[in-house]
Protein backbone atom coordinates (compact mmCIF):
# COMPACT_ATOMS: atom_id res chain seq x y z
CA UNK A 1 -12.17 -34.54 27.86
CA UNK A 2 -10.19 -31.56 26.61
CA UNK A 3 -12.03 -28.85 29.04
CA UNK A 4 -9.78 -29.89 31.96
CA UNK A 5 -12.62 -29.73 34.46
CA UNK A 6 -11.88 -31.63 37.45
CA UNK A 7 -15.41 -32.44 38.76
CA UNK A 8 -16.76 -33.28 35.09
CA UNK A 9 -13.86 -35.92 34.92
CA UNK A 10 -14.26 -37.52 38.11
CA UNK A 11 -18.14 -37.63 37.15
CA UNK A 12 -17.19 -39.31 33.90
CA UNK A 13 -14.92 -41.69 35.73
CA UNK A 14 -17.63 -43.11 37.54
CA UNK A 15 -20.27 -43.62 34.94
CA UNK A 16 -17.08 -44.97 33.07
CA UNK A 17 -16.72 -47.76 35.76
CA UNK A 18 -20.25 -48.04 35.91
CA UNK A 19 -20.87 -49.12 32.83
CA UNK A 20 -17.83 -51.34 32.43
CA UNK A 21 -19.46 -53.32 35.46
CA UNK A 22 -22.75 -53.70 33.24
CA UNK A 23 -20.75 -55.18 30.73
CA UNK A 24 -19.06 -57.88 32.89
CA UNK A 25 -15.30 -56.08 32.97
CA UNK A 26 -13.98 -56.22 36.45
CA UNK A 27 -13.47 -52.82 38.39
CA UNK A 28 -9.85 -53.03 38.29
CA UNK A 29 -9.33 -53.54 34.41
CA UNK A 30 -12.01 -50.43 34.16
CA UNK A 31 -9.72 -48.36 36.41
CA UNK A 32 -6.61 -49.15 34.60
CA UNK A 33 -8.11 -48.42 31.36
CA UNK A 34 -9.35 -45.09 32.61
CA UNK A 35 -6.01 -44.21 33.90
CA UNK A 36 -4.66 -44.39 30.48
CA UNK A 37 -7.73 -42.10 29.05
CA UNK A 38 -7.08 -39.71 31.99
CA UNK A 39 -3.95 -38.10 30.85
CA UNK A 40 -5.70 -37.10 27.45
CA UNK A 41 -7.45 -34.06 29.43
CA UNK A 42 -4.29 -32.64 29.77
CA UNK A 43 -2.40 -32.53 26.81
CA UNK A 44 -3.92 -34.91 23.99
CA UNK A 45 -6.08 -32.17 22.47
CA UNK A 46 -3.08 -29.99 22.05
CA UNK A 47 -1.13 -32.93 20.78
CA UNK A 48 -3.51 -33.89 18.27
CA UNK A 49 -3.68 -30.19 17.16
CA UNK A 50 0.32 -29.94 17.11
CA UNK A 51 0.34 -33.10 14.37
CA UNK A 52 -2.43 -31.56 11.95
CA UNK A 53 -0.47 -27.99 11.95
CA UNK A 54 2.86 -29.71 11.55
CA UNK A 55 1.68 -31.76 8.66
CA UNK A 56 0.25 -28.78 7.25
CA UNK A 57 3.17 -26.65 7.53
CA UNK A 58 5.36 -29.37 5.92
CA UNK A 59 2.56 -28.95 2.88
CA UNK A 60 2.81 -25.66 2.91
CA UNK A 61 6.62 -24.91 2.72
CA UNK A 62 7.04 -27.67 -0.04
CA UNK A 63 4.22 -25.97 -2.31
CA UNK A 64 5.96 -22.67 -1.38
CA UNK A 65 9.34 -23.76 -2.15
CA UNK A 66 8.25 -25.69 -5.37
CA UNK A 67 5.33 -24.09 -6.97
CA UNK A 68 5.51 -20.61 -5.10
CA UNK A 69 3.64 -18.81 -7.76
CA UNK A 70 0.93 -21.20 -7.84
CA UNK A 71 0.75 -21.41 -4.16
CA UNK A 72 1.04 -17.74 -3.37
CA UNK A 73 -1.76 -16.93 -6.32
CA UNK A 74 -4.09 -19.60 -4.76
CA UNK A 75 -3.76 -18.11 -1.10
CA UNK A 76 -4.51 -14.75 -2.53
CA UNK A 77 -7.44 -15.76 -3.93
CA UNK A 78 -8.75 -16.81 -0.87
CA UNK A 79 -8.30 -13.37 0.56
CA UNK A 80 -9.98 -11.52 -2.33
CA UNK A 81 -11.87 -9.36 -0.01
CA UNK A 82 -8.70 -8.55 2.61
CA UNK A 83 -6.67 -5.94 1.40
CA UNK A 84 -4.70 -5.90 4.19
CA UNK A 85 -3.47 -9.24 3.75
CA UNK A 86 -3.22 -8.88 0.02
CA UNK A 87 -0.91 -6.16 0.62
CA UNK A 88 1.32 -8.17 2.76
CA UNK A 89 1.58 -10.80 -0.25
CA UNK A 90 2.58 -8.21 -2.85
CA UNK A 91 5.10 -7.27 -0.53
CA UNK A 92 6.40 -10.89 -0.35
CA UNK A 93 6.15 -10.97 -4.00
CA UNK A 94 8.43 -8.19 -4.20
CA UNK A 95 10.97 -9.95 -1.97
CA UNK A 96 11.16 -12.78 -4.05
CA UNK A 97 11.47 -10.85 -7.42
CA UNK A 98 8.04 -12.33 -8.78
CA UNK A 99 6.32 -10.14 -11.29
CA UNK A 100 3.07 -8.98 -10.43
CA UNK A 101 0.81 -8.05 -13.90
CA UNK A 102 -1.23 -4.99 -12.92
CA UNK A 103 -5.07 -4.93 -13.41
CA UNK A 104 -6.04 -5.18 -16.98
CA UNK A 105 -9.56 -6.29 -18.72
CA UNK A 106 -7.74 -8.34 -21.30
CA UNK A 107 -4.76 -9.81 -18.96
CA UNK A 108 -6.31 -10.79 -16.00
CA UNK A 109 -9.11 -12.61 -14.39
CA UNK A 110 -11.58 -12.44 -11.79
CA UNK A 111 -9.13 -14.38 -9.37
CA UNK A 112 -5.40 -14.56 -9.20
CA UNK A 113 -3.35 -16.73 -11.47
CA UNK A 114 -0.02 -18.08 -11.80
CA UNK A 115 0.90 -17.94 -15.56
CA UNK A 116 4.81 -18.29 -17.00
CA UNK A 117 6.30 -17.28 -13.41
CA UNK A 118 3.99 -13.94 -13.02
CA UNK A 119 1.24 -13.15 -10.79
CA UNK A 120 -1.82 -12.16 -12.40
CA UNK A 121 -4.00 -9.76 -10.78
CA UNK A 122 -7.22 -10.99 -9.41
CA UNK A 123 -9.79 -8.18 -10.46
CA UNK A 124 -12.13 -9.65 -8.22
CA UNK A 125 -10.42 -8.19 -5.44
CA UNK A 126 -10.99 -4.72 -6.53
CA UNK A 127 -12.78 -2.93 -4.27
CA UNK A 128 -16.93 -2.46 -5.02
CA UNK A 129 -16.36 -4.58 -8.24
CA UNK A 130 -17.63 -7.74 -7.37
CA UNK A 131 -16.60 -11.49 -7.84
CA UNK A 132 -19.86 -12.52 -9.92
CA UNK A 133 -20.00 -9.51 -11.98
CA UNK A 134 -16.57 -9.26 -12.92
CA UNK A 135 -16.43 -13.27 -13.91
CA UNK A 136 -19.26 -12.59 -16.04
CA UNK A 137 -17.37 -9.91 -18.08
CA UNK A 138 -14.28 -12.17 -18.07
CA UNK A 139 -16.54 -15.26 -19.22
CA UNK A 140 -17.70 -12.91 -22.41
CA UNK A 141 -14.12 -12.35 -22.97
CA UNK A 142 -13.09 -15.86 -23.06
CA UNK A 143 -15.87 -17.08 -25.14
CA UNK A 144 -15.52 -14.10 -28.09
CA UNK A 145 -12.00 -12.83 -27.64
CA UNK A 146 -10.21 -9.65 -26.08
CA UNK A 147 -11.66 -6.49 -26.04
CA UNK A 148 -10.60 -4.46 -28.73
CA UNK A 149 -11.47 -1.20 -27.70
CA UNK A 150 -13.47 0.75 -25.02
CA UNK A 151 -16.43 0.95 -27.06
CA UNK A 152 -16.08 -2.69 -27.68
CA UNK A 153 -16.25 -3.16 -24.06
CA UNK A 154 -19.47 -1.05 -23.84
CA UNK A 155 -21.05 -2.84 -26.78
CA UNK A 156 -20.58 -6.23 -25.12
CA UNK A 157 -20.91 -6.24 -21.41
CA UNK A 158 -24.53 -6.72 -20.07
CA UNK A 159 -26.09 -3.77 -17.70
CA UNK A 160 -26.48 -6.37 -14.89
CA UNK A 161 -22.61 -6.28 -14.42
CA UNK A 162 -21.56 -2.80 -14.73
CA UNK A 163 -22.95 0.09 -12.29
CA UNK A 164 -21.18 3.33 -11.19
CA UNK A 165 -19.25 1.70 -8.37
CA UNK A 166 -18.08 -1.25 -10.32
CA UNK A 167 -17.17 1.03 -13.03
CA UNK A 168 -15.18 3.37 -10.68
CA UNK A 169 -13.34 0.95 -9.13
CA UNK A 170 -12.00 -0.79 -12.33
CA UNK A 171 -11.21 2.59 -13.90
CA UNK A 172 -9.02 3.81 -10.66
CA UNK A 173 -7.46 0.35 -10.71
CA UNK A 174 -6.46 0.97 -14.16
CA UNK A 175 -7.96 -1.68 -16.09
CA UNK A 176 -8.64 0.13 -18.76
CA UNK A 177 -4.99 1.99 -19.33
CA UNK A 178 -4.50 -0.47 -22.68
CA UNK A 179 -7.21 1.92 -24.06
CA UNK A 180 -6.65 5.22 -22.56
CA UNK A 181 -4.63 5.96 -19.99
CA UNK A 182 -6.45 9.25 -18.88
CA UNK A 183 -8.18 7.45 -16.09
CA UNK A 184 -9.98 10.79 -15.04
CA UNK A 185 -11.61 11.21 -18.36
CA UNK A 186 -12.99 8.03 -18.13
CA UNK A 187 -14.24 8.24 -14.64
CA UNK A 188 -16.16 11.42 -15.27
CA UNK A 189 -17.91 9.88 -17.96
CA UNK A 190 -19.24 6.90 -16.30
CA UNK A 191 -22.68 8.08 -15.95
CA UNK A 192 -22.80 8.51 -19.90
CA UNK A 193 -21.04 5.07 -20.22
CA UNK A 194 -23.64 3.31 -18.21
CA UNK A 195 -26.49 4.97 -20.23
CA UNK A 196 -25.07 3.73 -23.17
CA UNK A 197 -24.47 0.34 -22.36
CA UNK A 198 -28.24 0.47 -20.85
CA UNK A 199 -29.05 1.37 -24.33
CA UNK A 200 -27.43 -1.04 -26.26
CA UNK A 201 -28.69 -4.03 -23.88
CA UNK A 202 -32.22 -2.66 -24.22
CA UNK A 203 -32.05 -2.66 -28.16
CA UNK A 204 -30.67 -6.27 -28.03
CA UNK A 205 -33.22 -7.33 -25.86
CA UNK A 206 -36.11 -5.65 -28.09
CA UNK A 207 -34.28 -7.31 -31.11
CA UNK A 208 -33.99 -3.93 -32.52
CA UNK A 209 -31.12 -3.02 -35.01
CA UNK A 210 -29.82 0.39 -35.80
CA UNK A 211 -29.47 1.20 -39.53
CA UNK A 212 -25.95 2.02 -38.94
CA UNK A 213 -25.47 -0.71 -36.60
CA UNK A 214 -22.27 -2.01 -37.98
CA UNK A 215 -20.67 1.02 -38.45
CA UNK A 216 -21.52 2.16 -34.86
CA UNK A 217 -19.83 -1.11 -33.36
CA UNK A 218 -16.62 -0.45 -35.46
CA UNK A 219 -16.14 2.88 -33.65
CA UNK A 220 -12.80 3.23 -32.22
CA UNK A 221 -13.61 6.19 -30.17
CA UNK A 222 -16.07 7.39 -27.53
CA UNK A 223 -17.12 11.14 -26.92
CA UNK A 224 -15.48 11.52 -23.13
CA UNK A 225 -16.83 14.29 -21.10
CA UNK A 226 -14.36 17.40 -20.61
CA UNK A 227 -11.99 16.60 -18.00
CA UNK A 228 -8.28 17.52 -16.30
CA UNK A 229 -5.71 14.56 -16.32
CA UNK A 230 -4.73 13.49 -12.59
CA UNK A 231 -1.09 14.13 -11.52
CA UNK A 232 0.71 11.20 -10.55
CA UNK A 233 -0.23 11.78 -7.04
CA UNK A 234 -3.96 11.81 -7.77
CA UNK A 235 -3.32 8.69 -9.89
CA UNK A 236 -1.82 6.76 -7.02
CA UNK A 237 -4.15 8.30 -4.62
CA UNK A 238 -7.30 6.86 -6.24
CA UNK A 239 -5.48 4.01 -7.05
CA UNK A 240 -4.69 3.12 -3.56
CA UNK A 241 -8.74 3.77 -3.07
CA UNK A 242 -9.56 1.10 -5.19
CA UNK A 243 -7.17 -1.55 -4.73
CA UNK A 244 -6.06 -0.98 -0.68
CA UNK A 245 -2.36 -0.15 -1.39
CA UNK A 246 0.05 0.93 -3.37
CA UNK A 247 0.52 -1.57 -6.62
CA UNK A 248 1.85 0.04 -9.96
CA UNK A 249 4.07 2.50 -8.31
CA UNK A 250 4.85 4.54 -4.86
CA UNK A 251 4.41 8.07 -4.28
CA UNK A 252 7.84 8.68 -2.86
CA UNK A 253 9.54 7.25 -5.76
CA UNK A 254 9.39 10.66 -7.77
CA UNK A 255 11.11 12.18 -5.06
CA UNK A 256 14.27 10.48 -4.68
CA UNK A 257 16.45 13.22 -5.60
CA UNK A 258 14.93 15.39 -3.58
CA UNK A 259 15.39 13.02 -0.37
CA UNK A 260 18.85 12.89 -0.91
CA UNK A 261 19.29 16.84 -1.00
CA UNK A 262 17.10 16.75 2.30
CA UNK A 263 19.01 14.04 3.99
CA UNK A 264 15.54 11.89 4.41
CA UNK A 265 16.33 8.48 4.60
CA UNK A 266 14.39 5.44 4.50
CA UNK A 267 12.92 4.06 7.83
CA UNK A 268 15.17 0.90 7.92
CA UNK A 269 18.13 3.13 7.49
CA UNK A 270 17.33 5.59 10.66
CA UNK A 271 16.75 2.57 12.58
CA UNK A 272 19.61 0.64 12.07
CA UNK A 273 22.01 4.29 11.88
CA UNK A 274 23.76 5.46 15.29
CA UNK A 275 21.81 8.83 14.86
CA UNK A 276 19.46 9.41 17.68
CA UNK A 277 17.45 11.86 15.34
CA UNK A 278 16.38 12.09 11.64
CA UNK A 279 13.95 12.68 8.82
CA UNK A 280 12.15 10.06 7.21
CA UNK A 281 9.36 9.91 4.72
CA UNK A 282 6.59 7.67 4.55
CA UNK A 283 3.03 7.31 3.05
CA UNK A 284 0.20 6.37 5.59
CA UNK A 285 -1.31 3.17 4.44
CA UNK A 286 -3.94 2.88 7.80
CA UNK A 287 -4.71 4.78 10.69
CA UNK A 288 -6.05 3.54 14.04
CA UNK A 289 -6.82 5.99 16.65
CA UNK A 290 -7.53 4.72 20.45
CA UNK A 291 -7.81 6.15 23.89
CA UNK A 292 -5.28 5.34 26.79
CA UNK A 293 -6.57 4.38 30.12
CA UNK A 294 -6.25 8.45 31.23
CA UNK A 295 -8.44 9.32 28.21
CA UNK A 296 -6.20 10.85 26.09
CA UNK A 297 -6.26 10.42 22.14
CA UNK A 298 -2.97 8.58 20.60
CA UNK A 299 -2.84 6.89 16.86
CA UNK A 300 -1.12 4.04 15.54
CA UNK A 301 -0.39 4.90 12.21
CA UNK A 302 1.27 2.11 9.55
CA UNK A 303 3.32 3.98 7.02
CA UNK A 304 5.00 2.79 3.89
CA UNK A 305 8.30 3.62 1.99
CA UNK A 306 9.85 2.57 -0.90
CA UNK A 307 11.65 -0.40 1.05
CA UNK A 308 9.29 -1.40 3.45
CA UNK A 309 5.78 -0.79 6.05
CA UNK A 310 6.44 0.52 9.48
CA UNK A 311 4.45 1.39 12.35
CA UNK A 312 4.64 4.15 14.73
CA UNK A 313 2.49 6.00 17.32
CA UNK A 314 1.35 9.30 17.21
CA UNK A 315 0.38 10.91 20.99
CA UNK A 316 -1.78 13.22 21.88
CA UNK A 317 -0.35 16.89 21.15
CA UNK A 318 1.01 15.85 17.87
CA UNK A 319 -2.05 14.07 16.81
CA UNK A 320 -4.41 16.98 17.73
CA UNK A 321 -2.26 19.25 15.87
CA UNK A 322 -2.32 17.03 12.80
CA UNK A 323 -5.46 15.25 12.75
CA UNK A 324 -7.08 16.69 10.14
CA UNK A 325 -4.30 16.34 7.47
CA UNK A 326 -3.49 12.65 8.53
CA UNK A 327 -5.35 11.00 5.51
CA UNK A 328 -4.75 7.22 4.22
CA UNK A 329 -2.40 7.23 0.89
CA UNK A 330 -1.05 11.13 1.93
CA UNK A 331 2.72 11.02 2.33
CA UNK A 332 4.69 12.79 5.32
CA UNK A 333 8.34 13.67 6.35
CA UNK A 334 8.52 12.67 9.51
CA UNK A 335 11.50 13.83 12.38
CA UNK A 336 11.90 10.84 14.39
CA UNK A 337 13.71 10.55 18.02
CA UNK A 338 15.30 7.08 18.54
CA UNK A 339 16.67 5.61 22.03
CA UNK A 340 17.50 2.70 23.23
CA UNK A 341 15.88 0.47 25.92
CA UNK A 342 18.42 -1.90 27.95
CA UNK A 343 17.20 -5.06 28.84
CA UNK A 344 18.06 -8.92 27.79
CA UNK A 345 17.65 -7.94 24.09
CA UNK A 346 18.55 -4.20 23.31
CA UNK A 347 15.78 -2.36 21.64
CA UNK A 348 15.17 0.82 19.98
CA UNK A 349 12.26 2.89 20.92
CA UNK A 350 11.29 5.65 18.05
CA UNK A 351 8.99 8.52 18.73
CA UNK A 352 7.38 11.09 16.28
CA UNK A 353 8.51 14.42 17.38
CA UNK A 354 7.44 16.41 14.43
CA UNK A 355 5.19 15.41 11.18
CA UNK A 356 4.97 17.90 8.21
CA UNK A 357 2.98 17.11 4.83
CA UNK A 358 5.53 16.05 1.87
CA UNK A 359 4.52 19.16 -0.16
CA UNK A 360 5.27 21.35 2.81
CA UNK A 361 8.35 19.77 3.81
CA UNK A 362 9.75 19.96 0.11
CA UNK A 363 8.63 23.67 -0.35
CA UNK A 364 9.44 24.94 3.12
CA UNK A 365 12.23 27.77 3.10
CA UNK A 366 15.62 27.04 4.89
CA UNK A 367 16.17 29.47 7.88
CA UNK A 368 19.87 29.53 6.90
CA UNK A 369 22.12 28.69 3.74
CA UNK A 370 25.95 28.79 3.42
CA UNK A 371 26.89 28.77 -0.18
CA UNK A 372 30.76 27.92 -0.84
CA UNK A 373 31.82 29.62 -3.96
CA UNK A 374 34.96 29.05 -6.35
CA UNK A 375 36.57 31.96 -7.63
CA UNK A 376 35.17 31.67 -11.10
CA UNK A 377 31.39 32.50 -9.72
CA UNK A 378 28.81 34.58 -11.73
CA UNK A 379 27.71 37.39 -9.45
CA UNK A 380 24.89 38.17 -12.02
CA UNK A 381 23.35 34.73 -12.01
CA UNK A 382 23.52 34.47 -8.33
CA UNK A 383 21.95 37.73 -7.93
CA UNK A 384 19.06 36.81 -10.37
CA UNK A 385 18.68 33.36 -8.38
CA UNK A 386 18.17 35.23 -5.19
CA UNK A 387 16.52 38.02 -6.12
CA UNK A 388 13.21 37.83 -3.87
CA UNK A 389 13.29 38.54 -0.35
CA UNK A 390 12.36 36.14 2.05
CA UNK A 391 13.03 34.16 5.15
CA UNK A 392 16.58 32.64 4.55
CA UNK A 393 19.76 34.15 5.84
CA UNK A 394 22.12 33.59 2.82
CA UNK A 395 25.81 33.40 3.62
CA UNK A 396 28.73 33.16 0.95
CA UNK A 397 32.32 31.59 1.38
CA UNK A 398 34.51 32.80 -1.46
CA UNK A 399 37.85 31.22 -1.59
CA UNK A 400 40.93 32.81 -3.35
CA UNK A 401 44.08 30.71 -3.38
CA UNK A 402 44.77 30.10 0.19
CA UNK A 403 42.54 32.55 1.86
CA UNK A 404 38.43 32.55 2.12
CA UNK A 405 36.21 35.34 2.79
CA UNK A 406 32.74 35.24 4.46
CA UNK A 407 29.90 37.73 3.28
CA UNK A 408 26.49 37.50 4.14
CA UNK A 409 23.63 39.22 2.53
CA UNK A 410 21.88 42.26 4.73
CA UNK A 411 18.24 41.11 3.89
CA UNK A 412 17.06 37.43 3.84
CA UNK A 413 16.12 35.87 0.53
CA UNK A 414 13.98 33.57 -0.63
CA UNK A 415 15.58 30.00 -0.81
CA UNK A 416 13.78 26.52 -0.84
CA UNK A 417 14.72 23.51 -2.50
CA UNK A 418 14.33 24.69 -5.97
CA UNK A 419 16.96 27.51 -5.44
CA UNK A 420 19.05 24.83 -3.95
CA UNK A 421 18.76 22.40 -7.02
CA UNK A 422 19.48 25.80 -9.64
CA UNK A 423 22.35 26.84 -7.69
CA UNK A 424 23.98 23.05 -6.98
CA UNK A 425 23.70 23.04 -10.88
CA UNK A 426 26.36 25.60 -11.13
CA UNK A 427 29.59 24.54 -11.76
CA UNK A 428 31.21 27.49 -9.78
CA UNK A 429 29.11 26.33 -6.71
CA UNK A 430 31.69 24.28 -4.68
CA UNK A 431 29.35 23.29 -1.61
CA UNK A 432 25.84 24.49 -0.27
CA UNK A 433 25.34 23.95 3.44
CA UNK A 434 21.70 24.00 4.92
């Protein structure tokens, strides 16, 4: 009845009436009954769905309003392997100002939980960890108490629940930060850690004990292999690979002062203002490369800044020039152009005119700089700061009572963001125009 096939409906009508006649029902009565059934083929199926969805929508709205933490935690637990969905939930939690407890081997569980108005992150959502394996580790913690140190963790876990990929995921997500915040140190020692766990498990299986076993179990240190600590950028990049999005921090947070200096705004600020062109910083969350009907390549890139996520198209020429450096978790400064599209609802179309790696944008020399000085300026300090030759044209404006004089250096000098900050810190510098 729900397929809206006229020929099939007529066939069923004939069958229905013949069946009714065999059961002693008059033909006109059977025809009348079928006319009541017939409209169901046009709308009845949709109507039943609409009623069911309306009920679910009501129940969902009720739960999200009065039990929002529990509702979101339960919903996130149904999406453990879908990092893009989890990212959406995390953004929603930020808007609702609900705290998320970051991944921790002693505070978290295998699924998401709501405790005391906070969302406890589900360790089963970490990539490559495996729900069953992390559940076994959590059960060990629940039975015998929290893990007191990294060595305690090594002594208590089963080798069946820990392999290279699982440990890498846990380390990159920061679950052992309470024991040691140098994640790279632990990561480099994973083969040694796995071997240690295997040896301990083998001894247990063979009922062997070490003469100094008790002392060994009481140790609070582990001899990690030499390593170099990650920078903040590296730490967040590895965390992104493990979780699928930025949870504990955002790569752009440390550059807030720099963005103010360079007139870089958030995407939302640019979209709402009246300027047709501007600079926006964003970190790549995902990239989809496709081809148009004519066969030319283009990419749909989802960016993230401190306020929100936004999606932009990158077309053929710019895509080809920048394809090698366009990677997830990398940050860029975008030169955007905005134009209004008239219609029933006025919309704004935003295009990328230029894309530059964030590090390149920050260290890029300025083409021209004008420095306005007060009358108490220190020429020797300025000379030391601008001693290196470079690509920037340097101009000075010096005020003296009601007059001002303009001077230009004969040779271009090196002048980047560091020089800008250093000069702005001087009390005798009134204004710098770049």
